[in-house]
PDB file of N, CA and C in Angstrom:
ATOM      1  N   MET A   1      -8.840 163.773  10.164  1.00  0.00           N
ATOM      2  CA  MET A   1      -7.722 163.013   9.660  1.00  0.00           C
ATOM      3  C   MET A   1      -6.450 163.849   9.691  1.00  0.00           C
ATOM      4  N   ALA A   2      -6.581 165.122   9.432  1.00  0.00           N
ATOM      5  CA  ALA A   2      -5.407 166.002   9.438  1.00  0.00           C
ATOM      6  C   ALA A   2      -4.721 166.003  10.800  1.00  0.00           C
ATOM      7  N   ASN A   3      -5.474 165.754  11.864  1.00  0.00           N
ATOM      8  CA  ASN A   3      -4.878 165.699  13.196  1.00  0.00           C
ATOM      9  C   ASN A   3      -4.006 164.472  13.392  1.00  0.00           C
ATOM     10  N   TYR A   4      -4.330 163.368  12.714  1.00  0.00           N
ATOM     11  CA  TYR A   4      -3.638 162.107  12.934  1.00  0.00           C
ATOM     12  C   TYR A   4      -2.493 161.841  11.953  1.00  0.00           C
ATOM     13  N   LEU A   5      -2.574 162.388  10.771  1.00  0.00           N
ATOM     14  CA  LEU A   5      -1.544 162.099   9.765  1.00  0.00           C
ATOM     15  C   LEU A   5      -0.131 162.469  10.198  1.00  0.00           C
ATOM     16  N   PRO A   6       0.101 163.597  10.850  1.00  0.00           N
ATOM     17  CA  PRO A   6       1.478 163.885  11.274  1.00  0.00           C
ATOM     18  C   PRO A   6       2.055 162.805  12.185  1.00  0.00           C
ATOM     19  N   GLU A   7       1.226 162.274  13.067  1.00  0.00           N
ATOM     20  CA  GLU A   7       1.664 161.218  13.970  1.00  0.00           C
ATOM     21  C   GLU A   7       2.005 159.943  13.203  1.00  0.00           C
ATOM     22  N   VAL A   8       1.139 159.566  12.266  1.00  0.00           N
ATOM     23  CA  VAL A   8       1.382 158.370  11.457  1.00  0.00           C
ATOM     24  C   VAL A   8       2.616 158.570  10.590  1.00  0.00           C
ATOM     25  N   LEU A   9       2.738 159.723   9.973  1.00  0.00           N
ATOM     26  CA  LEU A   9       3.896 159.973   9.112  1.00  0.00           C
ATOM     27  C   LEU A   9       5.192 159.974   9.906  1.00  0.00           C
ATOM     28  N   ASN A  10       5.152 160.427  11.124  1.00  0.00           N
ATOM     29  CA  ASN A  10       6.327 160.365  11.974  1.00  0.00           C
ATOM     30  C   ASN A  10       6.746 158.909  12.184  1.00  0.00           C
ATOM     31  N   ALA A  11       5.788 158.033  12.402  1.00  0.00           N
ATOM     32  CA  ALA A  11       6.082 156.613  12.596  1.00  0.00           C
ATOM     33  C   ALA A  11       6.624 155.977  11.319  1.00  0.00           C
ATOM     34  N   THR A  12       6.197 156.441  10.164  1.00  0.00           N
ATOM     35  CA  THR A  12       6.639 155.833   8.904  1.00  0.00           C
ATOM     36  C   THR A  12       8.089 156.152   8.574  1.00  0.00           C
ATOM     37  N   THR A  13       8.640 157.188   9.187  1.00  0.00           N
ATOM     38  CA  THR A  13      10.044 157.525   8.900  1.00  0.00           C
ATOM     39  C   THR A  13      10.973 156.408   9.329  1.00  0.00           C
ATOM     40  N   GLN A  14      10.539 155.550  10.257  1.00  0.00           N
ATOM     41  CA  GLN A  14      11.328 154.392  10.675  1.00  0.00           C
ATOM     42  C   GLN A  14      11.567 153.427   9.518  1.00  0.00           C
ATOM     43  N   PHE A  15      10.755 153.553   8.485  1.00  0.00           N
ATOM     44  CA  PHE A  15      10.843 152.679   7.320  1.00  0.00           C
ATOM     45  C   PHE A  15      11.354 153.419   6.090  1.00  0.00           C
ATOM     46  N   GLY A  16      11.878 154.623   6.298  1.00  0.00           N
ATOM     47  CA  GLY A  16      12.420 155.397   5.186  1.00  0.00           C
ATOM     48  C   GLY A  16      11.382 155.929   4.231  1.00  0.00           C
ATOM     49  N   HIS A  17      10.170 156.053   4.691  1.00  0.00           N
ATOM     50  CA  HIS A  17       9.078 156.498   3.832  1.00  0.00           C
ATOM     51  C   HIS A  17       8.631 157.878   4.292  1.00  0.00           C
ATOM     52  N   THR A  18       8.855 158.883   3.464  1.00  0.00           N
ATOM     53  CA  THR A  18       8.540 160.256   3.841  1.00  0.00           C
ATOM     54  C   THR A  18       7.899 161.001   2.680  1.00  0.00           C
ATOM     55  N   GLY A  19       7.497 162.217   2.946  1.00  0.00           N
ATOM     56  CA  GLY A  19       7.016 163.119   1.902  1.00  0.00           C
ATOM     57  C   GLY A  19       5.619 162.814   1.397  1.00  0.00           C
ATOM     58  N   ILE A  20       5.323 163.367   0.233  1.00  0.00           N
ATOM     59  CA  ILE A  20       3.990 163.242  -0.369  1.00  0.00           C
ATOM     60  C   ILE A  20       3.608 161.782  -0.639  1.00  0.00           C
ATOM     61  N   PRO A  21       4.518 160.942  -1.161  1.00  0.00           N
ATOM     62  CA  PRO A  21       4.124 159.541  -1.376  1.00  0.00           C
ATOM     63  C   PRO A  21       3.677 158.848  -0.083  1.00  0.00           C
ATOM     64  N   ALA A  22       4.379 159.114   1.012  1.00  0.00           N
ATOM     65  CA  ALA A  22       3.990 158.515   2.288  1.00  0.00           C
ATOM     66  C   ALA A  22       2.639 159.062   2.739  1.00  0.00           C
ATOM     67  N   LEU A  23       2.427 160.350   2.560  1.00  0.00           N
ATOM     68  CA  LEU A  23       1.161 160.967   2.921  1.00  0.00           C
ATOM     69  C   LEU A  23       0.006 160.308   2.184  1.00  0.00           C
ATOM     70  N   ARG A  24       0.165 160.098   0.890  1.00  0.00           N
ATOM     71  CA  ARG A  24      -0.894 159.463   0.092  1.00  0.00           C
ATOM     72  C   ARG A  24      -1.156 158.035   0.553  1.00  0.00           C
ATOM     73  N   GLU A  25      -0.090 157.250   0.638  1.00  0.00           N
ATOM     74  CA  GLU A  25      -0.252 155.838   0.958  1.00  0.00           C
ATOM     75  C   GLU A  25      -0.782 155.617   2.367  1.00  0.00           C
ATOM     76  N   TYR A  26      -0.168 156.250   3.351  1.00  0.00           N
ATOM     77  CA  TYR A  26      -0.579 156.017   4.725  1.00  0.00           C
ATOM     78  C   TYR A  26      -1.897 156.709   5.044  1.00  0.00           C
ATOM     79  N   GLY A  27      -2.193 157.792   4.358  1.00  0.00           N
ATOM     80  CA  GLY A  27      -3.501 158.421   4.513  1.00  0.00           C
ATOM     81  C   GLY A  27      -4.602 157.485   4.041  1.00  0.00           C
ATOM     82  N   ALA A  28      -4.371 156.826   2.918  1.00  0.00           N
ATOM     83  CA  ALA A  28      -5.347 155.863   2.405  1.00  0.00           C
ATOM     84  C   ALA A  28      -5.495 154.676   3.349  1.00  0.00           C
ATOM     85  N   VAL A  29      -4.376 154.181   3.866  1.00  0.00           N
ATOM     86  CA  VAL A  29      -4.423 153.058   4.811  1.00  0.00           C
ATOM     87  C   VAL A  29      -5.165 153.468   6.079  1.00  0.00           C
ATOM     88  N   LEU A  30      -4.908 154.670   6.555  1.00  0.00           N
ATOM     89  CA  LEU A  30      -5.585 155.153   7.758  1.00  0.00           C
ATOM     90  C   LEU A  30      -7.095 155.247   7.539  1.00  0.00           C
ATOM     91  N   GLN A  31      -7.503 155.684   6.358  1.00  0.00           N
ATOM     92  CA  GLN A  31      -8.937 155.755   6.052  1.00  0.00           C
ATOM     93  C   GLN A  31      -9.563 154.365   6.055  1.00  0.00           C
ATOM     94  N   MET A  32      -8.884 153.395   5.433  1.00  0.00           N
ATOM     95  CA  MET A  32      -9.410 152.027   5.403  1.00  0.00           C
ATOM     96  C   MET A  32      -9.445 151.433   6.806  1.00  0.00           C
ATOM     97  N   ALA A  33      -8.407 151.683   7.582  1.00  0.00           N
ATOM     98  CA  ALA A  33      -8.350 151.165   8.953  1.00  0.00           C
ATOM     99  C   ALA A  33      -9.477 151.750   9.799  1.00  0.00           C
ATOM    100  N   ALA A  34      -9.818 152.999   9.560  1.00  0.00           N
ATOM    101  CA  ALA A  34     -10.891 153.644  10.326  1.00  0.00           C
ATOM    102  C   ALA A  34     -12.223 152.948  10.088  1.00  0.00           C
ATOM    103  N   ARG A  35     -12.431 152.450   8.892  1.00  0.00           N
ATOM    104  CA  ARG A  35     -13.683 151.734   8.614  1.00  0.00           C
ATOM    105  C   ARG A  35     -13.795 150.486   9.474  1.00  0.00           C
ATOM    106  N   GLY A  36     -12.697 149.785   9.634  1.00  0.00           N
ATOM    107  CA  GLY A  36     -12.707 148.560  10.425  1.00  0.00           C
ATOM    108  C   GLY A  36     -12.607 148.803  11.915  1.00  0.00           C
ATOM    109  N   ALA A  37     -11.952 149.878  12.296  1.00  0.00           N
ATOM    110  CA  ALA A  37     -11.708 150.139  13.711  1.00  0.00           C
ATOM    111  C   ALA A  37     -12.882 150.823  14.394  1.00  0.00           C
ATOM    112  N   GLY A  38     -13.711 151.461  13.642  1.00  0.00           N
ATOM    113  CA  GLY A  38     -14.850 152.156  14.234  1.00  0.00           C
ATOM    114  C   GLY A  38     -14.662 153.651  14.338  1.00  0.00           C
ATOM    115  N   SER A  39     -13.417 154.088  14.507  1.00  0.00           N
ATOM    116  CA  SER A  39     -13.168 155.522  14.546  1.00  0.00           C
ATOM    117  C   SER A  39     -11.759 155.798  14.048  1.00  0.00           C
ATOM    118  N   LEU A  40     -11.545 157.011  13.646  1.00  0.00           N
ATOM    119  CA  LEU A  40     -10.229 157.422  13.171  1.00  0.00           C
ATOM    120  C   LEU A  40      -9.213 157.394  14.314  1.00  0.00           C
ATOM    121  N   ALA A  41      -9.628 157.756  15.511  1.00  0.00           N
ATOM    122  CA  ALA A  41      -8.717 157.740  16.663  1.00  0.00           C
ATOM    123  C   ALA A  41      -8.246 156.319  16.966  1.00  0.00           C
ATOM    124  N   GLU A  42      -9.163 155.353  16.936  1.00  0.00           N
ATOM    125  CA  GLU A  42      -8.786 153.956  17.184  1.00  0.00           C
ATOM    126  C   GLU A  42      -7.889 153.428  16.081  1.00  0.00           C
ATOM    127  N   ALA A  43      -8.191 153.776  14.845  1.00  0.00           N
ATOM    128  CA  ALA A  43      -7.369 153.352  13.712  1.00  0.00           C
ATOM    129  C   ALA A  43      -5.965 153.934  13.833  1.00  0.00           C
ATOM    130  N   ASN A  44      -5.877 155.184  14.216  1.00  0.00           N
ATOM    131  CA  ASN A  44      -4.584 155.840  14.383  1.00  0.00           C
ATOM    132  C   ASN A  44      -3.748 155.137  15.450  1.00  0.00           C
ATOM    133  N   THR A  45      -4.370 154.826  16.579  1.00  0.00           N
ATOM    134  CA  THR A  45      -3.664 154.137  17.659  1.00  0.00           C
ATOM    135  C   THR A  45      -3.172 152.770  17.195  1.00  0.00           C
ATOM    136  N   ALA A  46      -4.045 152.010  16.558  1.00  0.00           N
ATOM    137  CA  ALA A  46      -3.673 150.672  16.089  1.00  0.00           C
ATOM    138  C   ALA A  46      -2.570 150.730  15.037  1.00  0.00           C
ATOM    139  N   MET A  47      -2.674 151.657  14.118  1.00  0.00           N
ATOM    140  CA  MET A  47      -1.683 151.766  13.059  1.00  0.00           C
ATOM    141  C   MET A  47      -0.322 152.177  13.619  1.00  0.00           C
ATOM    142  N   ASN A  48      -0.303 153.118  14.522  1.00  0.00           N
ATOM    143  CA  ASN A  48       0.958 153.536  15.122  1.00  0.00           C
ATOM    144  C   ASN A  48       1.593 152.417  15.932  1.00  0.00           C
ATOM    145  N   ARG A  49       0.791 151.653  16.658  1.00  0.00           N
ATOM    146  CA  ARG A  49       1.327 150.511  17.407  1.00  0.00           C
ATOM    147  C   ARG A  49       1.938 149.488  16.457  1.00  0.00           C
ATOM    148  N   MET A  50       1.226 149.199  15.366  1.00  0.00           N
ATOM    149  CA  MET A  50       1.733 148.226  14.398  1.00  0.00           C
ATOM    150  C   MET A  50       3.052 148.698  13.811  1.00  0.00           C
ATOM    151  N   LEU A  51       3.133 149.961  13.424  1.00  0.00           N
ATOM    152  CA  LEU A  51       4.362 150.499  12.845  1.00  0.00           C
ATOM    153  C   LEU A  51       5.507 150.456  13.855  1.00  0.00           C
ATOM    154  N   ASP A  52       5.239 150.891  15.073  1.00  0.00           N
ATOM    155  CA  ASP A  52       6.277 150.899  16.107  1.00  0.00           C
ATOM    156  C   ASP A  52       6.746 149.490  16.452  1.00  0.00           C
ATOM    157  N   GLN A  53       5.813 148.563  16.602  1.00  0.00           N
ATOM    158  CA  GLN A  53       6.177 147.189  16.960  1.00  0.00           C
ATOM    159  C   GLN A  53       6.941 146.501  15.833  1.00  0.00           C
ATOM    160  N   THR A  54       6.515 146.737  14.601  1.00  0.00           N
ATOM    161  CA  THR A  54       7.224 146.146  13.464  1.00  0.00           C
ATOM    162  C   THR A  54       8.649 146.677  13.403  1.00  0.00           C
ATOM    163  N   ALA A  55       8.809 147.970  13.570  1.00  0.00           N
ATOM    164  CA  ALA A  55      10.150 148.572  13.534  1.00  0.00           C
ATOM    165  C   ALA A  55      11.009 148.056  14.682  1.00  0.00           C
ATOM    166  N   ALA A  56      10.436 147.970  15.862  1.00  0.00           N
ATOM    167  CA  ALA A  56      11.206 147.546  17.035  1.00  0.00           C
ATOM    168  C   ALA A  56      11.625 146.086  16.973  1.00  0.00           C
ATOM    169  N   LYS A  57      10.870 145.275  16.263  1.00  0.00           N
ATOM    170  CA  LYS A  57      11.122 143.835  16.266  1.00  0.00           C
ATOM    171  C   LYS A  57      11.619 143.291  14.926  1.00  0.00           C
ATOM    172  N   ARG A  58      12.121 144.173  14.066  1.00  0.00           N
ATOM    173  CA  ARG A  58      12.579 143.720  12.743  1.00  0.00           C
ATOM    174  C   ARG A  58      13.618 142.617  12.836  1.00  0.00           C
ATOM    175  N   ALA A  59      14.609 142.777  13.684  1.00  0.00           N
ATOM    176  CA  ALA A  59      15.676 141.771  13.790  1.00  0.00           C
ATOM    177  C   ALA A  59      15.122 140.436  14.285  1.00  0.00           C
ATOM    178  N   LYS A  60      14.213 140.477  15.245  1.00  0.00           N
ATOM    179  CA  LYS A  60      13.593 139.249  15.751  1.00  0.00           C
ATOM    180  C   LYS A  60      12.742 138.586  14.671  1.00  0.00           C
ATOM    181  N   ILE A  61      12.043 139.392  13.897  1.00  0.00           N
ATOM    182  CA  ILE A  61      11.210 138.867  12.811  1.00  0.00           C
ATOM    183  C   ILE A  61      12.091 138.172  11.782  1.00  0.00           C
ATOM    184  N   GLU A  62      13.211 138.818  11.409  1.00  0.00           N
ATOM    185  CA  GLU A  62      14.150 138.203  10.458  1.00  0.00           C
ATOM    186  C   GLU A  62      14.600 136.826  10.944  1.00  0.00           C
ATOM    187  N   LYS A  63      15.020 136.774  12.182  1.00  0.00           N
ATOM    188  CA  LYS A  63      15.549 135.534  12.745  1.00  0.00           C
ATOM    189  C   LYS A  63      14.468 134.459  12.829  1.00  0.00           C
ATOM    190  N   ALA A  64      13.306 134.812  13.330  1.00  0.00           N
ATOM    191  CA  ALA A  64      12.226 133.844  13.513  1.00  0.00           C
ATOM    192  C   ALA A  64      11.738 133.257  12.193  1.00  0.00           C
ATOM    193  N   LEU A  65      11.697 134.096  11.155  1.00  0.00           N
ATOM    194  CA  LEU A  65      11.161 133.641   9.868  1.00  0.00           C
ATOM    195  C   LEU A  65      12.243 133.253   8.869  1.00  0.00           C
ATOM    196  N   GLY A  66      13.502 133.511   9.214  1.00  0.00           N
ATOM    197  CA  GLY A  66      14.592 133.194   8.292  1.00  0.00           C
ATOM    198  C   GLY A  66      14.548 134.030   7.027  1.00  0.00           C
ATOM    199  N   ILE A  67      14.218 135.317   7.178  1.00  0.00           N
ATOM    200  CA  ILE A  67      14.124 136.217   6.023  1.00  0.00           C
ATOM    201  C   ILE A  67      15.077 137.389   6.222  1.00  0.00           C
ATOM    202  N   LYS A  68      15.312 138.135   5.163  1.00  0.00           N
ATOM    203  CA  LYS A  68      16.156 139.328   5.214  1.00  0.00           C
ATOM    204  C   LYS A  68      15.285 140.553   4.995  1.00  0.00           C
ATOM    205  N   LEU A  69      15.371 141.491   5.915  1.00  0.00           N
ATOM    206  CA  LEU A  69      14.595 142.725   5.814  1.00  0.00           C
ATOM    207  C   LEU A  69      15.494 143.934   5.603  1.00  0.00           C
ATOM    208  N   LYS A  70      16.762 143.670   5.297  1.00  0.00           N
ATOM    209  CA  LYS A  70      17.708 144.742   4.988  1.00  0.00           C
ATOM    210  C   LYS A  70      18.211 144.565   3.564  1.00  0.00           C
ATOM    211  N   LYS A  71      18.481 145.694   2.949  1.00  0.00           N
ATOM    212  CA  LYS A  71      19.079 145.696   1.619  1.00  0.00           C
ATOM    213  C   LYS A  71      20.187 146.738   1.653  1.00  0.00           C
ATOM    214  N   ASN A  72      21.382 146.333   1.284  1.00  0.00           N
ATOM    215  CA  ASN A  72      22.543 147.224   1.325  1.00  0.00           C
ATOM    216  C   ASN A  72      22.735 147.855   2.699  1.00  0.00           C
ATOM    217  N   GLY A  73      22.488 147.065   3.742  1.00  0.00           N
ATOM    218  CA  GLY A  73      22.710 147.521   5.106  1.00  0.00           C
ATOM    219  C   GLY A  73      21.617 148.381   5.704  1.00  0.00           C
ATOM    220  N   ALA A  74      20.559 148.661   4.953  1.00  0.00           N
ATOM    221  CA  ALA A  74      19.470 149.504   5.457  1.00  0.00           C
ATOM    222  C   ALA A  74      18.163 148.707   5.451  1.00  0.00           C
ATOM    223  N   TRP A  75      17.316 148.999   6.425  1.00  0.00           N
ATOM    224  CA  TRP A  75      16.012 148.344   6.474  1.00  0.00           C
ATOM    225  C   TRP A  75      15.209 148.729   5.237  1.00  0.00           C
ATOM    226  N   ILE A  76      14.502 147.762   4.668  1.00  0.00           N
ATOM    227  CA  ILE A  76      13.656 148.047   3.508  1.00  0.00           C
ATOM    228  C   ILE A  76      12.394 148.779   3.976  1.00  0.00           C
ATOM    229  N   GLN A  77      11.704 149.387   3.037  1.00  0.00           N
ATOM    230  CA  GLN A  77      10.496 150.134   3.378  1.00  0.00           C
ATOM    231  C   GLN A  77       9.381 149.182   3.800  1.00  0.00           C
ATOM    232  N   LEU A  78       8.351 149.737   4.394  1.00  0.00           N
ATOM    233  CA  LEU A  78       7.300 148.946   5.016  1.00  0.00           C
ATOM    234  C   LEU A  78       6.571 148.020   4.044  1.00  0.00           C
ATOM    235  N   ALA A  79       6.152 148.502   2.890  1.00  0.00           N
ATOM    236  CA  ALA A  79       5.378 147.661   1.973  1.00  0.00           C
ATOM    237  C   ALA A  79       6.156 146.411   1.558  1.00  0.00           C
ATOM    238  N   PRO A  80       7.406 146.543   1.083  1.00  0.00           N
ATOM    239  CA  PRO A  80       8.144 145.322   0.754  1.00  0.00           C
ATOM    240  C   PRO A  80       8.459 144.483   1.993  1.00  0.00           C
ATOM    241  N   MET A  81       8.612 145.147   3.140  1.00  0.00           N
ATOM    242  CA  MET A  81       8.877 144.411   4.375  1.00  0.00           C
ATOM    243  C   MET A  81       7.690 143.520   4.730  1.00  0.00           C
ATOM    244  N   LEU A  82       6.490 144.072   4.639  1.00  0.00           N
ATOM    245  CA  LEU A  82       5.305 143.283   4.959  1.00  0.00           C
ATOM    246  C   LEU A  82       5.133 142.115   3.999  1.00  0.00           C
ATOM    247  N   LYS A  83       5.476 142.315   2.730  1.00  0.00           N
ATOM    248  CA  LYS A  83       5.415 141.219   1.758  1.00  0.00           C
ATOM    249  C   LYS A  83       6.386 140.108   2.140  1.00  0.00           C
ATOM    250  N   GLU A  84       7.590 140.477   2.558  1.00  0.00           N
ATOM    251  CA  GLU A  84       8.582 139.490   2.985  1.00  0.00           C
ATOM    252  C   GLU A  84       8.114 138.743   4.230  1.00  0.00           C
ATOM    253  N   ILE A  85       7.522 139.463   5.164  1.00  0.00           N
ATOM    254  CA  ILE A  85       7.038 138.845   6.397  1.00  0.00           C
ATOM    255  C   ILE A  85       5.927 137.849   6.087  1.00  0.00           C
ATOM    256  N   VAL A  86       4.978 138.247   5.248  1.00  0.00           N
ATOM    257  CA  VAL A  86       3.877 137.347   4.880  1.00  0.00           C
ATOM    258  C   VAL A  86       4.430 136.125   4.156  1.00  0.00           C
ATOM    259  N   ALA A  87       5.352 136.319   3.214  1.00  0.00           N
ATOM    260  CA  ALA A  87       5.943 135.175   2.502  1.00  0.00           C
ATOM    261  C   ALA A  87       6.668 134.260   3.486  1.00  0.00           C
ATOM    262  N   GLY A  88       7.370 134.838   4.441  1.00  0.00           N
ATOM    263  CA  GLY A  88       8.066 134.044   5.452  1.00  0.00           C
ATOM    264  C   GLY A  88       7.096 133.261   6.318  1.00  0.00           C
ATOM    265  N   LEU A  89       5.993 133.886   6.677  1.00  0.00           N
ATOM    266  CA  LEU A  89       4.979 133.187   7.473  1.00  0.00           C
ATOM    267  C   LEU A  89       4.383 132.019   6.696  1.00  0.00           C
ATOM    268  N   ILE A  90       4.088 132.256   5.424  1.00  0.00           N
ATOM    269  CA  ILE A  90       3.501 131.203   4.595  1.00  0.00           C
ATOM    270  C   ILE A  90       4.471 130.044   4.428  1.00  0.00           C
ATOM    271  N   SER A  91       5.737 130.350   4.127  1.00  0.00           N
ATOM    272  CA  SER A  91       6.707 129.287   3.902  1.00  0.00           C
ATOM    273  C   SER A  91       7.013 128.507   5.185  1.00  0.00           C
ATOM    274  N   ASN A  92       6.862 129.148   6.340  1.00  0.00           N
ATOM    275  CA  ASN A  92       7.124 128.459   7.602  1.00  0.00           C
ATOM    276  C   ASN A  92       5.944 127.638   8.096  1.00  0.00           C
ATOM    277  N   THR A  93       4.794 127.774   7.459  1.00  0.00           N
ATOM    278  CA  THR A  93       3.626 126.986   7.872  1.00  0.00           C
ATOM    279  C   THR A  93       3.472 125.732   7.034  1.00  0.00           C
ATOM    280  N   HIS A  94       4.243 125.610   5.976  1.00  0.00           N
ATOM    281  CA  HIS A  94       4.143 124.424   5.100  1.00  0.00           C
ATOM    282  C   HIS A  94       5.208 123.421   5.418  1.00  0.00           C
TER     283      HIS A  94
END
């Protein structure tokens, strides 16, 4: 896991999440993802793709779902962003 965390933490900086709190949270997520993915390497690849794609498509996601993912001109962190995306998906399906 120590081999993969630097890569994941690098990806999380796109969401303003750094330091020990990011290490704890994303380390735990990586462990859970590894259970479902079959291996830590596969989980790492999937998690990094998800983080990169979410960051790259934030503006498109906002427009498609009619939600705001910025606060005071800056992108919100990943956890609240995912909550907004899920709420937007739910409200757009009803």
